[in-house]
Amino acid sequence: MNADVDLQYACAVTDLPTRSQFVDWVNAVLHHPDIQNRLKISRKNALTIRIVDETEGKTLNETWRHKAYATNVLSFPFETPKGLKLPLLGDIIICAPVVAHEASEQEKPLLAHWAHLVIHGTLHLIGYDHIDEAEANEMEALEIQILQQLGYSDPYNTIDKP
């Protein structure tokens, strides 16, 4: 079961991951055993990843979260109408300038930060959240596990920087 990832580039940033990397990161989430049990979908899943600039990122964050700044990632799970079975997961919006700024500020490799945010956004699409501490711990543990399987460091460990 591989994801059908629709990539939309809505900004002029050139230092972006490849299409193949985006797809690999999404598939790493969907192929994880805990996720397979949770999804219980054997068909191909589809989602959109839209790469935006700070203007669009701020507008979307203001509209949907009532926060007047561009954030790194927003996730919009698809709400399947009752009675239909569609393999649509939803949309992930990633603000490229924010990702680059955060990676630099946190002294993280840019590609690793992209991977983390795609994985984080994909987990949100399938129902994971970090509103309370137990949910946050479960989601972070999955993120760390998936990232490490892909060869990336723990993004929450500020001591162990590559």
C-alpha atoms as a PDB file:
ATOM      1  CA  MET A   1       0.000   0.000   0.000  1.00  0.00           C
ATOM      2  CA  ASN A   2       1.817   3.084  -1.249  1.00  0.00           C
ATOM      3  CA  ALA A   3       0.404   6.560  -0.962  1.00  0.00           C
ATOM      4  CA  ASP A   4      -0.630   8.652  -3.902  1.00  0.00           C
ATOM      5  CA  VAL A   5       0.967  11.984  -2.985  1.00  0.00           C
ATOM      6  CA  ASP A   6      -0.142  15.097  -4.841  1.00  0.00           C
ATOM      7  CA  LEU A   7       2.608  17.729  -4.459  1.00  0.00           C
ATOM      8  CA  GLN A   8       1.714  21.373  -4.929  1.00  0.00           C
ATOM      9  CA  TYR A   9       4.435  24.007  -5.053  1.00  0.00           C
ATOM     10  CA  ALA A  10       2.994  27.425  -4.236  1.00  0.00           C
ATOM     11  CA  CYS A  11       6.241  29.250  -3.536  1.00  0.00           C
ATOM     12  CA  ALA A  12       9.517  30.010  -5.261  1.00  0.00           C
ATOM     13  CA  VAL A  13      11.827  28.205  -2.820  1.00  0.00           C
ATOM     14  CA  THR A  14      14.383  26.012  -4.597  1.00  0.00           C
ATOM     15  CA  ASP A  15      16.021  24.084  -1.748  1.00  0.00           C
ATOM     16  CA  LEU A  16      13.233  21.518  -1.367  1.00  0.00           C
ATOM     17  CA  PRO A  17      13.185  17.746  -0.946  1.00  0.00           C
ATOM     18  CA  THR A  18      12.553  15.659  -4.050  1.00  0.00           C
ATOM     19  CA  ARG A  19       9.161  14.192  -4.879  1.00  0.00           C
ATOM     20  CA  SER A  20      10.603  10.770  -4.102  1.00  0.00           C
ATOM     21  CA  GLN A  21      11.640  11.888  -0.610  1.00  0.00           C
ATOM     22  CA  PHE A  22       8.174  13.260   0.175  1.00  0.00           C
ATOM     23  CA  VAL A  23       6.587   9.989  -0.979  1.00  0.00           C
ATOM     24  CA  ASP A  24       9.100   7.891   0.986  1.00  0.00           C
ATOM     25  CA  TRP A  25       8.388   9.824   4.195  1.00  0.00           C
ATOM     26  CA  VAL A  26       4.626   9.442   3.842  1.00  0.00           C
ATOM     27  CA  ASN A  27       4.978   5.738   3.045  1.00  0.00           C
ATOM     28  CA  ALA A  28       7.248   5.229   6.060  1.00  0.00           C
ATOM     29  CA  VAL A  29       4.331   6.360   8.215  1.00  0.00           C
ATOM     30  CA  LEU A  30       1.688   4.338   6.396  1.00  0.00           C
ATOM     31  CA  HIS A  31       3.794   1.159   6.434  1.00  0.00           C
ATOM     32  CA  HIS A  32       4.553   1.330  10.160  1.00  0.00           C
ATOM     33  CA  PRO A  33       2.846  -1.628  11.918  1.00  0.00           C
ATOM     34  CA  ASP A  34       1.032   0.586  14.449  1.00  0.00           C
ATOM     35  CA  ILE A  35      -0.367   2.676  11.626  1.00  0.00           C
ATOM     36  CA  GLN A  36      -1.397  -0.363   9.561  1.00  0.00           C
ATOM     37  CA  ASN A  37      -3.479  -1.577  12.510  1.00  0.00           C
ATOM     38  CA  ARG A  38      -5.004   1.859  13.006  1.00  0.00           C
ATOM     39  CA  LEU A  39      -5.901   2.553   9.368  1.00  0.00           C
ATOM     40  CA  LYS A  40      -7.326  -0.843   8.468  1.00  0.00           C
ATOM     41  CA  ILE A  41      -7.328   0.255   4.828  1.00  0.00           C
ATOM     42  CA  SER A  42      -5.842  -2.037   2.230  1.00  0.00           C
ATOM     43  CA  ARG A  43      -6.316   0.319  -0.693  1.00  0.00           C
ATOM     44  CA  LYS A  44      -4.026   3.057  -1.843  1.00  0.00           C
ATOM     45  CA  ASN A  45      -4.247   6.178   0.321  1.00  0.00           C
ATOM     46  CA  ALA A  46      -4.072   9.655  -1.168  1.00  0.00           C
ATOM     47  CA  LEU A  47      -3.032  12.986   0.283  1.00  0.00           C
ATOM     48  CA  THR A  48      -1.858  16.386  -0.825  1.00  0.00           C
ATOM     49  CA  ILE A  49       1.278  18.151   0.361  1.00  0.00           C
ATOM     50  CA  ARG A  50       1.251  21.850  -0.476  1.00  0.00           C
ATOM     51  CA  ILE A  51       4.476  23.834  -0.070  1.00  0.00           C
ATOM     52  CA  VAL A  52       3.672  27.486   0.629  1.00  0.00           C
ATOM     53  CA  ASP A  53       5.344  30.815   1.321  1.00  0.00           C
ATOM     54  CA  GLU A  54       4.955  32.824   4.529  1.00  0.00           C
ATOM     55  CA  THR A  55       2.031  34.877   3.212  1.00  0.00           C
ATOM     56  CA  GLU A  56      -0.122  31.831   2.466  1.00  0.00           C
ATOM     57  CA  GLY A  57       1.118  30.067   5.596  1.00  0.00           C
ATOM     58  CA  LYS A  58       0.091  33.018   7.753  1.00  0.00           C
ATOM     59  CA  THR A  59      -3.303  33.332   6.050  1.00  0.00           C
ATOM     60  CA  LEU A  60      -4.098  29.649   6.568  1.00  0.00           C
ATOM     61  CA  ASN A  61      -2.878  29.642  10.175  1.00  0.00           C
ATOM     62  CA  GLU A  62      -4.928  32.766  10.902  1.00  0.00           C
ATOM     63  CA  THR A  63      -8.036  31.360   9.224  1.00  0.00           C
ATOM     64  CA  TRP A  64      -7.968  27.903  10.800  1.00  0.00           C
ATOM     65  CA  ARG A  65      -6.076  28.333  14.075  1.00  0.00           C
ATOM     66  CA  HIS A  66      -6.633  32.052  14.737  1.00  0.00           C
ATOM     67  CA  LYS A  67      -2.882  32.626  15.077  1.00  0.00           C
ATOM     68  CA  ALA A  68      -1.411  35.592  13.205  1.00  0.00           C
ATOM     69  CA  TYR A  69       1.848  34.023  12.020  1.00  0.00           C
ATOM     70  CA  ALA A  70       3.061  31.430   9.548  1.00  0.00           C
ATOM     71  CA  THR A  71       3.611  28.047  11.184  1.00  0.00           C
ATOM     72  CA  ASN A  72       5.741  25.164   9.944  1.00  0.00           C
ATOM     73  CA  VAL A  73       3.018  22.586   9.213  1.00  0.00           C
ATOM     74  CA  LEU A  74      -0.763  22.446   9.134  1.00  0.00           C
ATOM     75  CA  SER A  75      -2.780  19.279   8.624  1.00  0.00           C
ATOM     76  CA  PHE A  76      -6.330  19.067   7.355  1.00  0.00           C
ATOM     77  CA  PRO A  77      -7.722  15.518   7.643  1.00  0.00           C
ATOM     78  CA  PHE A  78     -10.301  14.577   5.010  1.00  0.00           C
ATOM     79  CA  GLU A  79     -13.727  14.011   6.502  1.00  0.00           C
ATOM     80  CA  THR A  80     -15.274  11.169   4.548  1.00  0.00           C
ATOM     81  CA  PRO A  81     -19.022  11.566   4.068  1.00  0.00           C
ATOM     82  CA  LYS A  82     -21.020   8.944   5.949  1.00  0.00           C
ATOM     83  CA  GLY A  83     -21.491   5.765   3.967  1.00  0.00           C
ATOM     84  CA  LEU A  84     -18.560   6.325   1.624  1.00  0.00           C
ATOM     85  CA  LYS A  85     -15.197   4.628   1.777  1.00  0.00           C
ATOM     86  CA  LEU A  86     -12.609   6.858   0.167  1.00  0.00           C
ATOM     87  CA  PRO A  87      -8.851   6.452   0.611  1.00  0.00           C
ATOM     88  CA  LEU A  88      -8.330  10.220   0.988  1.00  0.00           C
ATOM     89  CA  LEU A  89      -6.285  11.179   4.042  1.00  0.00           C
ATOM     90  CA  GLY A  90      -6.316  14.963   3.630  1.00  0.00           C
ATOM     91  CA  ASP A  91      -3.945  17.865   3.083  1.00  0.00           C
ATOM     92  CA  ILE A  92      -0.637  18.850   4.645  1.00  0.00           C
ATOM     93  CA  ILE A  93       0.492  22.454   4.266  1.00  0.00           C
ATOM     94  CA  ILE A  94       4.181  23.152   4.881  1.00  0.00           C
ATOM     95  CA  CYS A  95       5.643  26.663   4.951  1.00  0.00           C
ATOM     96  CA  ALA A  96       9.068  26.334   3.315  1.00  0.00           C
ATOM     97  CA  PRO A  97      10.617  29.558   4.709  1.00  0.00           C
ATOM     98  CA  VAL A  98       9.566  28.617   8.258  1.00  0.00           C
ATOM     99  CA  VAL A  99      11.045  25.119   7.840  1.00  0.00           C
ATOM    100  CA  ALA A 100      14.361  26.580   6.653  1.00  0.00           C
ATOM    101  CA  HIS A 101      14.435  29.138   9.470  1.00  0.00           C
ATOM    102  CA  GLU A 102      13.653  26.543  12.153  1.00  0.00           C
ATOM    103  CA  ALA A 103      16.242  24.076  10.861  1.00  0.00           C
ATOM    104  CA  SER A 104      18.902  26.779  10.928  1.00  0.00           C
ATOM    105  CA  GLU A 105      17.845  28.129  14.327  1.00  0.00           C
ATOM    106  CA  GLN A 106      17.680  24.641  15.873  1.00  0.00           C
ATOM    107  CA  GLU A 107      20.903  23.552  14.146  1.00  0.00           C
ATOM    108  CA  LYS A 108      19.179  20.619  12.461  1.00  0.00           C
ATOM    109  CA  PRO A 109      19.872  19.314   8.966  1.00  0.00           C
ATOM    110  CA  LEU A 110      17.260  20.854   6.663  1.00  0.00           C
ATOM    111  CA  LEU A 111      16.307  17.524   5.090  1.00  0.00           C
ATOM    112  CA  ALA A 112      15.809  15.934   8.513  1.00  0.00           C
ATOM    113  CA  HIS A 113      13.486  18.768   9.527  1.00  0.00           C
ATOM    114  CA  TRP A 114      11.463  18.349   6.322  1.00  0.00           C
ATOM    115  CA  ALA A 115      11.191  14.606   6.997  1.00  0.00           C
ATOM    116  CA  HIS A 116      10.030  15.265  10.551  1.00  0.00           C
ATOM    117  CA  LEU A 117       7.335  17.722   9.493  1.00  0.00           C
ATOM    118  CA  VAL A 118       5.982  15.469   6.733  1.00  0.00           C
ATOM    119  CA  ILE A 119       5.840  12.544   9.168  1.00  0.00           C
ATOM    120  CA  HIS A 120       4.260  14.761  11.838  1.00  0.00           C
ATOM    121  CA  GLY A 121       1.648  16.055   9.384  1.00  0.00           C
ATOM    122  CA  THR A 122       0.861  12.577   8.079  1.00  0.00           C
ATOM    123  CA  LEU A 123       0.316  11.303  11.620  1.00  0.00           C
ATOM    124  CA  HIS A 124      -2.150  14.147  12.189  1.00  0.00           C
ATOM    125  CA  LEU A 125      -4.054  13.130   9.054  1.00  0.00           C
ATOM    126  CA  ILE A 126      -4.625   9.642  10.401  1.00  0.00           C
ATOM    127  CA  GLY A 127      -5.803  10.788  13.808  1.00  0.00           C
ATOM    128  CA  TYR A 128      -2.770  11.330  16.006  1.00  0.00           C
ATOM    129  CA  ASP A 129      -2.560  14.515  18.036  1.00  0.00           C
ATOM    130  CA  HIS A 130      -0.569  16.142  20.806  1.00  0.00           C
ATOM    131  CA  ILE A 131      -3.239  18.019  22.727  1.00  0.00           C
ATOM    132  CA  ASP A 132      -2.723  16.149  25.982  1.00  0.00           C
ATOM    133  CA  GLU A 133       0.505  14.703  27.362  1.00  0.00           C
ATOM    134  CA  ALA A 134      -0.338  11.032  26.750  1.00  0.00           C
ATOM    135  CA  GLU A 135      -1.245  11.705  23.098  1.00  0.00           C
ATOM    136  CA  ALA A 136       1.852  13.859  22.654  1.00  0.00           C
ATOM    137  CA  ASN A 137       4.089  11.125  24.056  1.00  0.00           C
ATOM    138  CA  GLU A 138       2.538   8.495  21.776  1.00  0.00           C
ATOM    139  CA  MET A 139       2.835  10.701  18.691  1.00  0.00           C
ATOM    140  CA  GLU A 140       6.407  11.784  19.454  1.00  0.00           C
ATOM    141  CA  ALA A 141       7.478   8.188  20.060  1.00  0.00           C
ATOM    142  CA  LEU A 142       6.113   7.188  16.652  1.00  0.00           C
ATOM    143  CA  GLU A 143       7.802  10.163  14.986  1.00  0.00           C
ATOM    144  CA  ILE A 144      11.149   9.290  16.565  1.00  0.00           C
ATOM    145  CA  GLN A 145      10.811   5.606  15.641  1.00  0.00           C
ATOM    146  CA  ILE A 146       9.889   6.322  12.013  1.00  0.00           C
ATOM    147  CA  LEU A 147      12.599   8.963  11.620  1.00  0.00           C
ATOM    148  CA  GLN A 148      15.232   6.636  13.076  1.00  0.00           C
ATOM    149  CA  GLN A 149      14.142   3.862  10.689  1.00  0.00           C
ATOM    150  CA  LEU A 150      14.837   6.354   7.902  1.00  0.00           C
ATOM    151  CA  GLY A 151      18.258   7.201   9.332  1.00  0.00           C
ATOM    152  CA  TYR A 152      17.395  10.532  10.985  1.00  0.00           C
ATOM    153  CA  SER A 153      18.122  11.597  14.564  1.00  0.00           C
ATOM    154  CA  ASP A 154      15.545  12.180  17.279  1.00  0.00           C
ATOM    155  CA  PRO A 155      14.195  15.690  16.501  1.00  0.00           C
ATOM    156  CA  TYR A 156      13.258  16.259  20.140  1.00  0.00           C
ATOM    157  CA  ASN A 157      16.723  15.502  21.508  1.00  0.00           C
ATOM    158  CA  THR A 158      18.455  18.873  21.587  1.00  0.00           C
ATOM    159  CA  ILE A 159      21.663  17.388  23.007  1.00  0.00           C
ATOM    160  CA  ASP A 160      22.307  14.860  20.228  1.00  0.00           C
ATOM    161  CA  LYS A 161      22.764  17.084  17.176  1.00  0.00           C
ATOM    162  CA  PRO A 162      24.494  15.648  14.111  1.00  0.00           C
END
